[in-house]
Amino acid sequence: MNIDHDLQKHSREFATALRNHQYEMTDEGGVYFPKQRAIASGVYTHDINGQDERSDSNIVVTEGMNHILDVVLHGTTAVGTWYFALYAANYTPVATLTAATFASATTEINSATEGYGTSRIAFVEAAAASGSTNNTASKAAFTFVTATSKTVWGAGLLSSSTGGGTSGTLLSAAKFSAARTLYNTDVFNLGYTLQLTSS
């Protein structure tokens, strides 16, 4: 399935479903549109220093779904580069989470002395194919600086590069199934796959 084709085919239906809350969240954090029989879902894949790779399902938030629809169907300007942010709170993202509330709700990590810096890391994605896109070939690398250790509970994908910023758009977020502990000079590698499939 081609993601653009499917969105165009059901454009008014997707927009109406979002506006009228006619969708369901799947157990894996995706968005299921019953009438259109389509699921938007994503997975974050992460490792530390190239070891112990894990995968966690995300939630594609309402703000992110609205942006996808607006770009494909409403002439809204696409985001040139998306950015990853990591967070330190034991927080489970919800559909209403936005770019404006992400940093405070999740306790975003944005320190150069106890973290990986004050800027988010770019998502360098491949062109979409078969209804999916990802950055598997160019994962984001977060090099940590810490006097002791830093705990990472989850991640988000946003349109602004400013660490702790409140502008822009939040596309997705995920709480990891288990916290990650990073020590000084550790590199946290993060990949993301987003797909739209028929059910």
N, C-alpha and C. Protein backbone atom coordinates (compact mmCIF):
# COMPACT_ATOMS: atom_id res chain seq x y z
N MET A 1 0.83 -1.19 0.00
CA MET A 1 0.00 0.00 0.00
C MET A 1 0.87 1.24 0.00
N ASN A 2 0.46 2.26 -0.74
CA ASN A 2 1.16 3.54 -0.75
C ASN A 2 0.46 4.49 0.21
N ILE A 3 1.21 5.06 1.15
CA ILE A 3 0.59 5.88 2.19
C ILE A 3 -0.11 7.10 1.60
N ASP A 4 0.50 7.77 0.60
CA ASP A 4 -0.12 8.93 0.00
C ASP A 4 -1.42 8.55 -0.71
N HIS A 5 -1.39 7.43 -1.44
CA HIS A 5 -2.57 6.99 -2.17
C HIS A 5 -3.71 6.69 -1.20
N ASP A 6 -3.41 6.02 -0.10
CA ASP A 6 -4.45 5.65 0.85
C ASP A 6 -5.05 6.88 1.53
N LEU A 7 -4.19 7.85 1.88
CA LEU A 7 -4.70 9.07 2.49
C LEU A 7 -5.58 9.84 1.51
N GLN A 8 -5.16 9.90 0.23
CA GLN A 8 -5.96 10.61 -0.75
C GLN A 8 -7.29 9.91 -1.00
N LYS A 9 -7.24 8.61 -1.05
CA LYS A 9 -8.44 7.83 -1.32
C LYS A 9 -9.50 8.06 -0.25
N HIS A 10 -9.08 8.17 1.01
CA HIS A 10 -10.01 8.32 2.12
C HIS A 10 -9.86 9.67 2.81
N SER A 11 -9.44 10.69 2.07
CA SER A 11 -9.09 11.97 2.66
C SER A 11 -10.18 12.56 3.55
N ARG A 12 -11.37 12.72 3.02
CA ARG A 12 -12.45 13.33 3.80
C ARG A 12 -12.83 12.44 4.98
N GLU A 13 -12.77 11.14 4.77
CA GLU A 13 -13.14 10.22 5.84
C GLU A 13 -12.15 10.30 7.01
N PHE A 14 -10.82 10.33 6.70
CA PHE A 14 -9.83 10.44 7.76
C PHE A 14 -10.00 11.74 8.53
N ALA A 15 -10.18 12.83 7.80
CA ALA A 15 -10.33 14.13 8.44
C ALA A 15 -11.57 14.16 9.33
N THR A 16 -12.68 13.63 8.83
CA THR A 16 -13.91 13.60 9.61
C THR A 16 -13.76 12.70 10.84
N ALA A 17 -13.10 11.55 10.65
CA ALA A 17 -12.90 10.62 11.76
C ALA A 17 -12.08 11.26 12.88
N LEU A 18 -11.01 11.97 12.51
CA LEU A 18 -10.19 12.65 13.53
C LEU A 18 -10.98 13.74 14.23
N ARG A 19 -11.69 14.54 13.44
CA ARG A 19 -12.45 15.66 14.00
C ARG A 19 -13.53 15.17 14.96
N ASN A 20 -14.17 14.05 14.61
CA ASN A 20 -15.27 13.51 15.43
C ASN A 20 -14.84 12.43 16.40
N HIS A 21 -13.52 12.25 16.54
CA HIS A 21 -12.96 11.24 17.46
C HIS A 21 -13.46 9.83 17.13
N GLN A 22 -13.60 9.55 15.83
CA GLN A 22 -14.04 8.24 15.39
C GLN A 22 -12.83 7.37 15.04
N TYR A 23 -12.02 7.14 16.03
CA TYR A 23 -10.84 6.30 15.87
C TYR A 23 -10.56 5.65 17.22
N GLU A 24 -9.71 4.66 17.21
CA GLU A 24 -9.36 3.95 18.44
C GLU A 24 -7.85 3.84 18.54
N MET A 25 -7.36 3.82 19.76
CA MET A 25 -5.93 3.60 19.98
C MET A 25 -5.73 2.09 20.13
N THR A 26 -4.77 1.54 19.41
CA THR A 26 -4.49 0.12 19.53
C THR A 26 -3.65 -0.14 20.78
N ASP A 27 -3.55 -1.40 21.18
CA ASP A 27 -2.75 -1.75 22.35
C ASP A 27 -1.28 -1.38 22.14
N GLU A 28 -0.85 -1.33 20.88
CA GLU A 28 0.54 -1.01 20.56
C GLU A 28 0.78 0.49 20.40
N GLY A 29 -0.28 1.31 20.60
CA GLY A 29 -0.12 2.75 20.51
C GLY A 29 -0.39 3.34 19.15
N GLY A 30 -0.84 2.54 18.20
CA GLY A 30 -1.19 3.05 16.88
C GLY A 30 -2.59 3.65 16.88
N VAL A 31 -2.98 4.20 15.75
CA VAL A 31 -4.30 4.79 15.59
C VAL A 31 -5.07 3.95 14.58
N TYR A 32 -6.21 3.41 15.01
CA TYR A 32 -7.02 2.56 14.14
C TYR A 32 -8.27 3.32 13.71
N PHE A 33 -8.49 3.36 12.38
CA PHE A 33 -9.68 3.99 11.82
C PHE A 33 -10.61 2.86 11.36
N PRO A 34 -11.65 2.53 12.16
CA PRO A 34 -12.50 1.37 11.85
C PRO A 34 -13.18 1.45 10.49
N LYS A 35 -13.74 2.60 10.15
CA LYS A 35 -14.47 2.71 8.90
C LYS A 35 -13.55 2.55 7.69
N GLN A 36 -12.35 3.12 7.78
CA GLN A 36 -11.40 3.04 6.68
C GLN A 36 -10.57 1.76 6.73
N ARG A 37 -10.67 1.05 7.85
CA ARG A 37 -9.91 -0.17 8.07
C ARG A 37 -8.42 0.05 7.85
N ALA A 38 -7.91 1.10 8.50
CA ALA A 38 -6.50 1.45 8.36
C ALA A 38 -5.89 1.71 9.73
N ILE A 39 -4.60 1.41 9.85
CA ILE A 39 -3.88 1.62 11.11
C ILE A 39 -2.61 2.41 10.82
N ALA A 40 -2.44 3.51 11.57
CA ALA A 40 -1.19 4.26 11.53
C ALA A 40 -0.42 3.87 12.78
N SER A 41 0.80 3.36 12.60
CA SER A 41 1.56 2.88 13.76
C SER A 41 3.05 3.12 13.56
N GLY A 42 3.77 3.06 14.64
CA GLY A 42 5.21 3.26 14.56
C GLY A 42 5.94 2.51 15.65
N VAL A 43 7.24 2.33 15.43
CA VAL A 43 8.09 1.61 16.39
C VAL A 43 9.42 2.34 16.53
N TYR A 44 9.84 2.54 17.78
CA TYR A 44 11.16 3.08 18.08
C TYR A 44 12.09 1.90 18.38
N THR A 45 13.26 1.88 17.75
CA THR A 45 14.27 0.86 17.98
C THR A 45 15.49 1.54 18.56
N HIS A 46 16.04 0.99 19.65
CA HIS A 46 17.14 1.67 20.32
C HIS A 46 18.16 0.70 20.90
N ASP A 47 19.41 1.18 20.98
CA ASP A 47 20.48 0.41 21.60
C ASP A 47 21.45 1.36 22.28
N ILE A 48 22.31 0.81 23.11
CA ILE A 48 23.36 1.59 23.77
C ILE A 48 24.70 1.06 23.31
N ASN A 49 25.48 1.93 22.69
CA ASN A 49 26.80 1.55 22.17
C ASN A 49 26.73 0.35 21.23
N GLY A 50 25.63 0.26 20.47
CA GLY A 50 25.48 -0.81 19.51
C GLY A 50 25.09 -2.16 20.10
N GLN A 51 24.73 -2.17 21.38
CA GLN A 51 24.38 -3.43 22.05
C GLN A 51 22.99 -3.36 22.67
N ASP A 52 22.42 -4.53 22.92
CA ASP A 52 21.13 -4.66 23.60
C ASP A 52 20.04 -3.87 22.87
N GLU A 53 19.85 -4.15 21.59
CA GLU A 53 18.81 -3.46 20.83
C GLU A 53 17.41 -3.88 21.29
N ARG A 54 16.54 -2.90 21.44
CA ARG A 54 15.16 -3.14 21.86
C ARG A 54 14.22 -2.35 20.96
N SER A 55 12.96 -2.77 20.92
CA SER A 55 11.94 -2.07 20.13
C SER A 55 10.73 -1.79 21.00
N ASP A 56 10.17 -0.59 20.83
CA ASP A 56 8.97 -0.20 21.59
C ASP A 56 7.99 0.50 20.67
N SER A 57 6.73 0.10 20.76
CA SER A 57 5.67 0.75 19.98
C SER A 57 5.45 2.17 20.48
N ASN A 58 4.99 3.01 19.59
CA ASN A 58 4.75 4.40 19.93
C ASN A 58 3.27 4.72 19.89
N ILE A 59 2.96 5.98 20.19
CA ILE A 59 1.63 6.50 19.95
C ILE A 59 1.78 7.62 18.93
N VAL A 60 1.02 7.53 17.84
CA VAL A 60 0.96 8.63 16.88
C VAL A 60 -0.11 9.57 17.42
N VAL A 61 0.31 10.72 17.93
CA VAL A 61 -0.61 11.61 18.64
C VAL A 61 -1.54 12.32 17.65
N THR A 62 -2.63 12.85 18.16
CA THR A 62 -3.61 13.53 17.33
C THR A 62 -3.00 14.71 16.57
N GLU A 63 -2.13 15.47 17.24
CA GLU A 63 -1.47 16.59 16.57
C GLU A 63 -0.66 16.10 15.36
N GLY A 64 -0.02 14.97 15.50
CA GLY A 64 0.75 14.40 14.40
C GLY A 64 -0.12 13.92 13.26
N MET A 65 -1.23 13.26 13.59
CA MET A 65 -2.14 12.79 12.56
C MET A 65 -2.74 13.96 11.80
N ASN A 66 -3.12 15.02 12.52
CA ASN A 66 -3.66 16.20 11.86
C ASN A 66 -2.64 16.80 10.89
N HIS A 67 -1.38 16.82 11.30
CA HIS A 67 -0.34 17.38 10.43
C HIS A 67 -0.19 16.54 9.16
N ILE A 68 -0.15 15.22 9.30
CA ILE A 68 -0.03 14.34 8.13
C ILE A 68 -1.16 14.62 7.14
N LEU A 69 -2.38 14.69 7.65
CA LEU A 69 -3.53 14.94 6.79
C LEU A 69 -3.46 16.32 6.14
N ASP A 70 -3.08 17.32 6.91
CA ASP A 70 -3.02 18.68 6.37
C ASP A 70 -1.97 18.81 5.27
N VAL A 71 -0.83 18.14 5.44
CA VAL A 71 0.22 18.22 4.41
C VAL A 71 -0.21 17.52 3.14
N VAL A 72 -0.75 16.32 3.28
CA VAL A 72 -1.12 15.53 2.11
C VAL A 72 -2.36 16.07 1.40
N LEU A 73 -3.31 16.59 2.18
CA LEU A 73 -4.60 16.92 1.61
C LEU A 73 -5.02 18.38 1.67
N HIS A 74 -4.34 19.18 2.48
CA HIS A 74 -4.83 20.54 2.70
C HIS A 74 -3.81 21.62 2.32
N GLY A 75 -2.71 21.21 1.71
CA GLY A 75 -1.74 22.18 1.23
C GLY A 75 -0.84 22.79 2.27
N THR A 76 -0.82 22.22 3.48
CA THR A 76 0.07 22.72 4.52
C THR A 76 1.51 22.38 4.16
N THR A 77 2.42 23.29 4.46
CA THR A 77 3.83 23.08 4.16
C THR A 77 4.39 21.93 4.99
N ALA A 78 5.08 21.02 4.33
CA ALA A 78 5.68 19.88 5.03
C ALA A 78 6.85 20.34 5.90
N VAL A 79 7.12 19.61 6.96
CA VAL A 79 8.28 19.86 7.80
C VAL A 79 9.52 19.33 7.07
N GLY A 80 10.54 20.17 6.94
CA GLY A 80 11.75 19.74 6.23
C GLY A 80 12.53 18.70 6.99
N THR A 81 12.68 18.89 8.30
CA THR A 81 13.42 17.95 9.14
C THR A 81 12.68 17.76 10.45
N TRP A 82 12.54 16.50 10.84
CA TRP A 82 11.97 16.16 12.15
C TRP A 82 13.12 15.86 13.10
N TYR A 83 12.85 15.95 14.40
CA TYR A 83 13.90 15.78 15.40
C TYR A 83 13.46 14.87 16.54
N PHE A 84 14.40 14.04 17.00
CA PHE A 84 14.16 13.19 18.16
C PHE A 84 14.50 13.93 19.44
N ALA A 85 13.72 13.65 20.48
CA ALA A 85 14.02 14.13 21.82
C ALA A 85 13.88 12.94 22.77
N LEU A 86 14.73 12.88 23.77
CA LEU A 86 14.64 11.83 24.79
C LEU A 86 14.10 12.45 26.07
N TYR A 87 13.44 11.62 26.88
CA TYR A 87 12.91 12.16 28.13
C TYR A 87 13.20 11.28 29.33
N ALA A 88 13.14 11.93 30.52
CA ALA A 88 13.59 11.29 31.76
C ALA A 88 12.46 10.89 32.71
N ALA A 89 11.23 11.32 32.49
CA ALA A 89 10.13 10.99 33.40
C ALA A 89 9.56 9.61 33.08
N ASN A 90 9.05 8.96 34.10
CA ASN A 90 8.34 7.69 33.92
C ASN A 90 6.91 8.04 33.48
N TYR A 91 6.80 8.43 32.22
CA TYR A 91 5.56 9.01 31.68
C TYR A 91 5.10 8.24 30.45
N THR A 92 3.80 7.92 30.41
CA THR A 92 3.21 7.23 29.27
C THR A 92 2.49 8.25 28.39
N PRO A 93 2.96 8.47 27.16
CA PRO A 93 2.34 9.46 26.28
C PRO A 93 0.88 9.14 25.97
N VAL A 94 0.08 10.19 25.79
CA VAL A 94 -1.34 10.05 25.45
C VAL A 94 -1.60 10.79 24.14
N ALA A 95 -2.75 10.53 23.53
CA ALA A 95 -3.07 11.09 22.22
C ALA A 95 -3.11 12.61 22.22
N THR A 96 -3.42 13.21 23.35
CA THR A 96 -3.54 14.67 23.42
C THR A 96 -2.22 15.37 23.68
N LEU A 97 -1.14 14.62 23.84
CA LEU A 97 0.18 15.23 24.03
C LEU A 97 0.54 16.04 22.79
N THR A 98 1.11 17.23 22.96
CA THR A 98 1.48 18.10 21.84
C THR A 98 2.92 18.58 22.00
N ALA A 99 3.41 19.25 20.98
CA ALA A 99 4.75 19.84 21.06
C ALA A 99 4.82 20.86 22.19
N ALA A 100 3.72 21.56 22.43
CA ALA A 100 3.68 22.59 23.47
C ALA A 100 3.78 22.01 24.87
N THR A 101 3.34 20.76 25.05
CA THR A 101 3.32 20.15 26.38
C THR A 101 4.35 19.04 26.55
N PHE A 102 5.02 18.65 25.45
CA PHE A 102 5.93 17.52 25.50
C PHE A 102 7.04 17.69 26.54
N ALA A 103 7.78 18.78 26.48
CA ALA A 103 8.95 18.97 27.35
C ALA A 103 8.59 18.90 28.84
N SER A 104 7.51 19.56 29.22
CA SER A 104 7.14 19.59 30.64
C SER A 104 6.52 18.27 31.09
N ALA A 105 5.69 17.67 30.25
CA ALA A 105 5.02 16.42 30.64
C ALA A 105 5.99 15.26 30.77
N THR A 106 7.03 15.26 29.93
CA THR A 106 7.95 14.12 29.88
C THR A 106 9.27 14.34 30.60
N THR A 107 9.51 15.56 31.04
CA THR A 107 10.82 15.97 31.56
C THR A 107 11.89 15.68 30.50
N GLU A 108 11.77 16.42 29.40
CA GLU A 108 12.71 16.25 28.29
C GLU A 108 14.15 16.50 28.76
N ILE A 109 15.05 15.68 28.28
CA ILE A 109 16.48 15.84 28.58
C ILE A 109 17.04 16.88 27.61
N ASN A 110 17.56 17.98 28.14
CA ASN A 110 18.10 19.03 27.25
C ASN A 110 19.22 19.79 27.95
N SER A 111 20.19 19.03 28.43
CA SER A 111 21.33 19.62 29.13
C SER A 111 22.64 19.16 28.48
N ALA A 112 23.60 20.07 28.42
CA ALA A 112 24.91 19.72 27.87
C ALA A 112 25.81 19.12 28.93
N THR A 113 25.43 19.25 30.21
CA THR A 113 26.26 18.71 31.30
C THR A 113 25.67 17.44 31.91
N GLU A 114 24.37 17.25 31.77
CA GLU A 114 23.71 16.03 32.24
C GLU A 114 22.72 15.58 31.17
N GLY A 115 23.26 15.19 30.05
CA GLY A 115 22.43 14.79 28.92
C GLY A 115 23.25 14.71 27.65
N TYR A 116 22.64 15.08 26.54
CA TYR A 116 23.32 15.00 25.24
C TYR A 116 23.40 16.35 24.55
N GLY A 117 23.00 17.43 25.23
CA GLY A 117 23.06 18.75 24.64
C GLY A 117 21.72 19.46 24.67
N THR A 118 21.70 20.67 24.12
CA THR A 118 20.48 21.48 24.16
C THR A 118 19.71 21.47 22.84
N SER A 119 20.14 20.67 21.89
CA SER A 119 19.43 20.54 20.62
C SER A 119 18.97 19.10 20.42
N ARG A 120 17.81 18.96 19.83
CA ARG A 120 17.31 17.63 19.48
C ARG A 120 18.08 17.10 18.28
N ILE A 121 18.03 15.79 18.07
CA ILE A 121 18.81 15.13 17.02
C ILE A 121 17.93 14.83 15.81
N ALA A 122 18.44 15.14 14.61
CA ALA A 122 17.66 15.00 13.38
C ALA A 122 17.27 13.56 13.07
N PHE A 123 16.07 13.42 12.55
CA PHE A 123 15.54 12.16 12.02
C PHE A 123 15.84 12.17 10.52
N VAL A 124 16.78 11.32 10.09
CA VAL A 124 17.20 11.27 8.68
C VAL A 124 16.54 10.05 8.05
N GLU A 125 15.36 10.28 7.49
CA GLU A 125 14.54 9.17 7.02
C GLU A 125 14.76 8.86 5.55
N ALA A 126 14.46 7.62 5.19
CA ALA A 126 14.48 7.21 3.78
C ALA A 126 13.14 7.57 3.16
N ALA A 127 13.09 7.60 1.82
CA ALA A 127 11.83 7.84 1.13
C ALA A 127 10.85 6.72 1.46
N ALA A 128 9.57 7.06 1.54
CA ALA A 128 8.55 6.06 1.86
C ALA A 128 8.46 4.99 0.78
N ALA A 129 8.26 3.76 1.21
CA ALA A 129 8.06 2.64 0.30
C ALA A 129 7.13 1.64 0.97
N SER A 130 6.17 1.14 0.22
CA SER A 130 5.21 0.15 0.73
C SER A 130 4.50 0.67 1.98
N GLY A 131 4.19 1.97 2.01
CA GLY A 131 3.45 2.54 3.13
C GLY A 131 4.25 2.72 4.39
N SER A 132 5.58 2.79 4.28
CA SER A 132 6.42 2.89 5.47
C SER A 132 7.64 3.76 5.21
N THR A 133 8.11 4.44 6.25
CA THR A 133 9.37 5.18 6.18
C THR A 133 10.13 4.98 7.49
N ASN A 134 11.48 5.06 7.43
CA ASN A 134 12.28 4.85 8.63
C ASN A 134 13.67 5.47 8.45
N ASN A 135 14.42 5.49 9.54
CA ASN A 135 15.80 5.98 9.50
C ASN A 135 16.79 4.87 9.85
N THR A 136 16.43 3.64 9.51
CA THR A 136 17.26 2.48 9.83
C THR A 136 18.69 2.63 9.33
N ALA A 137 18.86 3.24 8.17
CA ALA A 137 20.20 3.37 7.60
C ALA A 137 21.01 4.50 8.24
N SER A 138 20.34 5.35 9.01
CA SER A 138 21.03 6.50 9.61
C SER A 138 20.40 6.83 10.96
N LYS A 139 20.58 5.94 11.92
CA LYS A 139 19.97 6.16 13.23
C LYS A 139 20.55 7.39 13.92
N ALA A 140 19.73 8.03 14.72
CA ALA A 140 20.18 9.19 15.49
C ALA A 140 21.08 8.72 16.63
N ALA A 141 22.20 9.40 16.83
CA ALA A 141 23.16 9.02 17.87
C ALA A 141 23.24 10.13 18.93
N PHE A 142 22.88 9.78 20.17
CA PHE A 142 22.92 10.71 21.29
C PHE A 142 24.13 10.34 22.16
N THR A 143 25.13 11.20 22.21
CA THR A 143 26.31 10.95 23.05
C THR A 143 26.11 11.63 24.40
N PHE A 144 26.10 10.85 25.46
CA PHE A 144 25.77 11.38 26.79
C PHE A 144 26.99 11.88 27.55
N VAL A 145 26.74 12.97 28.28
CA VAL A 145 27.69 13.53 29.24
C VAL A 145 26.99 13.53 30.59
N THR A 146 27.60 12.91 31.59
CA THR A 146 27.01 12.87 32.92
C THR A 146 28.07 12.59 33.97
N ALA A 147 27.89 13.17 35.13
CA ALA A 147 28.83 12.95 36.23
C ALA A 147 28.62 11.58 36.86
N THR A 148 27.39 11.07 36.78
CA THR A 148 27.07 9.77 37.36
C THR A 148 26.38 8.88 36.32
N SER A 149 25.10 9.09 36.14
CA SER A 149 24.34 8.36 35.13
C SER A 149 23.08 9.14 34.79
N LYS A 150 22.46 8.78 33.69
CA LYS A 150 21.22 9.43 33.26
C LYS A 150 20.24 8.36 32.84
N THR A 151 19.00 8.48 33.30
CA THR A 151 17.96 7.52 32.96
C THR A 151 17.09 8.05 31.83
N VAL A 152 16.89 7.23 30.82
CA VAL A 152 16.03 7.58 29.69
C VAL A 152 14.82 6.66 29.70
N TRP A 153 13.63 7.28 29.75
CA TRP A 153 12.39 6.52 29.78
C TRP A 153 11.68 6.44 28.44
N GLY A 154 11.95 7.42 27.55
CA GLY A 154 11.23 7.40 26.29
C GLY A 154 11.73 8.44 25.32
N ALA A 155 11.00 8.55 24.19
CA ALA A 155 11.41 9.45 23.12
C ALA A 155 10.20 10.03 22.40
N GLY A 156 10.46 11.12 21.68
CA GLY A 156 9.42 11.74 20.87
C GLY A 156 10.02 12.23 19.56
N LEU A 157 9.16 12.48 18.58
CA LEU A 157 9.58 12.99 17.28
C LEU A 157 8.84 14.30 17.04
N LEU A 158 9.61 15.39 16.95
CA LEU A 158 9.04 16.73 16.87
C LEU A 158 9.61 17.52 15.70
N SER A 159 8.92 18.61 15.35
CA SER A 159 9.35 19.42 14.21
C SER A 159 10.35 20.50 14.58
N SER A 160 10.54 20.76 15.86
CA SER A 160 11.48 21.79 16.31
C SER A 160 12.77 21.16 16.84
N SER A 161 13.91 21.78 16.51
CA SER A 161 15.20 21.26 16.96
C SER A 161 15.60 21.74 18.35
N THR A 162 14.86 22.66 18.92
CA THR A 162 15.21 23.27 20.20
C THR A 162 14.87 22.35 21.37
N GLY A 163 15.87 21.90 22.09
CA GLY A 163 15.64 21.06 23.25
C GLY A 163 14.81 21.80 24.29
N GLY A 164 13.75 21.18 24.77
CA GLY A 164 12.87 21.81 25.74
C GLY A 164 11.92 22.82 25.14
N GLY A 165 11.93 22.98 23.81
CA GLY A 165 11.07 23.96 23.15
C GLY A 165 9.61 23.56 23.17
N THR A 166 8.75 24.55 22.95
CA THR A 166 7.30 24.32 23.00
C THR A 166 6.60 24.66 21.68
N SER A 167 7.36 24.95 20.65
CA SER A 167 6.75 25.30 19.36
C SER A 167 6.74 24.09 18.44
N GLY A 168 6.02 24.24 17.33
CA GLY A 168 6.03 23.20 16.31
C GLY A 168 4.99 22.12 16.51
N THR A 169 5.33 20.91 16.03
CA THR A 169 4.40 19.79 16.00
C THR A 169 5.05 18.54 16.59
N LEU A 170 4.28 17.81 17.36
CA LEU A 170 4.70 16.50 17.87
C LEU A 170 4.04 15.44 16.99
N LEU A 171 4.84 14.56 16.40
CA LEU A 171 4.28 13.50 15.56
C LEU A 171 3.97 12.25 16.37
N SER A 172 4.94 11.81 17.17
CA SER A 172 4.75 10.58 17.93
C SER A 172 5.62 10.59 19.18
N ALA A 173 5.32 9.66 20.07
CA ALA A 173 6.10 9.51 21.30
C ALA A 173 5.95 8.09 21.81
N ALA A 174 6.93 7.66 22.59
CA ALA A 174 6.89 6.31 23.15
C ALA A 174 7.56 6.26 24.51
N LYS A 175 6.93 5.55 25.42
CA LYS A 175 7.59 5.20 26.68
C LYS A 175 8.20 3.82 26.47
N PHE A 176 9.46 3.67 26.81
CA PHE A 176 10.11 2.38 26.64
C PHE A 176 9.59 1.37 27.66
N SER A 177 9.61 0.11 27.29
CA SER A 177 9.11 -0.93 28.18
C SER A 177 9.96 -1.05 29.44
N ALA A 178 11.21 -0.60 29.35
CA ALA A 178 12.10 -0.56 30.51
C ALA A 178 13.03 0.64 30.35
N ALA A 179 13.31 1.30 31.45
CA ALA A 179 14.19 2.48 31.40
C ALA A 179 15.59 2.09 30.94
N ARG A 180 16.26 3.03 30.29
CA ARG A 180 17.63 2.85 29.85
C ARG A 180 18.54 3.71 30.72
N THR A 181 19.64 3.14 31.19
CA THR A 181 20.60 3.89 32.00
C THR A 181 21.85 4.16 31.18
N LEU A 182 22.17 5.45 31.06
CA LEU A 182 23.32 5.89 30.27
C LEU A 182 24.40 6.44 31.19
N TYR A 183 25.67 6.11 30.86
CA TYR A 183 26.81 6.63 31.61
C TYR A 183 27.63 7.55 30.71
N ASN A 184 28.57 8.25 31.30
CA ASN A 184 29.36 9.22 30.56
C ASN A 184 30.00 8.59 29.31
N THR A 185 29.87 9.24 28.19
CA THR A 185 30.35 8.87 26.85
C THR A 185 29.53 7.76 26.18
N ASP A 186 28.51 7.22 26.84
CA ASP A 186 27.66 6.23 26.19
C ASP A 186 26.94 6.87 25.01
N VAL A 187 26.72 6.07 23.96
CA VAL A 187 25.99 6.54 22.79
C VAL A 187 24.68 5.78 22.69
N PHE A 188 23.59 6.53 22.73
CA PHE A 188 22.25 5.97 22.60
C PHE A 188 21.81 6.14 21.16
N ASN A 189 21.60 5.03 20.45
CA ASN A 189 21.20 5.05 19.04
C ASN A 189 19.71 4.81 18.92
N LEU A 190 19.05 5.66 18.12
CA LEU A 190 17.60 5.62 18.05
C LEU A 190 17.10 5.60 16.60
N GLY A 191 16.27 4.60 16.31
CA GLY A 191 15.64 4.50 15.01
C GLY A 191 14.13 4.58 15.14
N TYR A 192 13.46 4.93 14.06
CA TYR A 192 12.01 5.03 14.08
C TYR A 192 11.43 4.60 12.74
N THR A 193 10.34 3.82 12.79
CA THR A 193 9.61 3.41 11.60
C THR A 193 8.16 3.81 11.75
N LEU A 194 7.60 4.49 10.74
CA LEU A 194 6.20 4.88 10.73
C LEU A 194 5.55 4.24 9.51
N GLN A 195 4.37 3.62 9.72
CA GLN A 195 3.71 2.96 8.60
C GLN A 195 2.21 3.10 8.68
N LEU A 196 1.58 3.02 7.51
CA LEU A 196 0.11 3.02 7.40
C LEU A 196 -0.27 1.75 6.68
N THR A 197 -1.08 0.92 7.33
CA THR A 197 -1.45 -0.38 6.75
C THR A 197 -2.95 -0.58 6.77
N SER A 198 -3.44 -1.41 5.87
CA SER A 198 -4.86 -1.79 5.85
C SER A 198 -5.05 -2.94 6.82
N SER A 199 -6.18 -2.94 7.50
CA SER A 199 -6.46 -4.03 8.46
C SER A 199 -7.34 -5.08 7.80
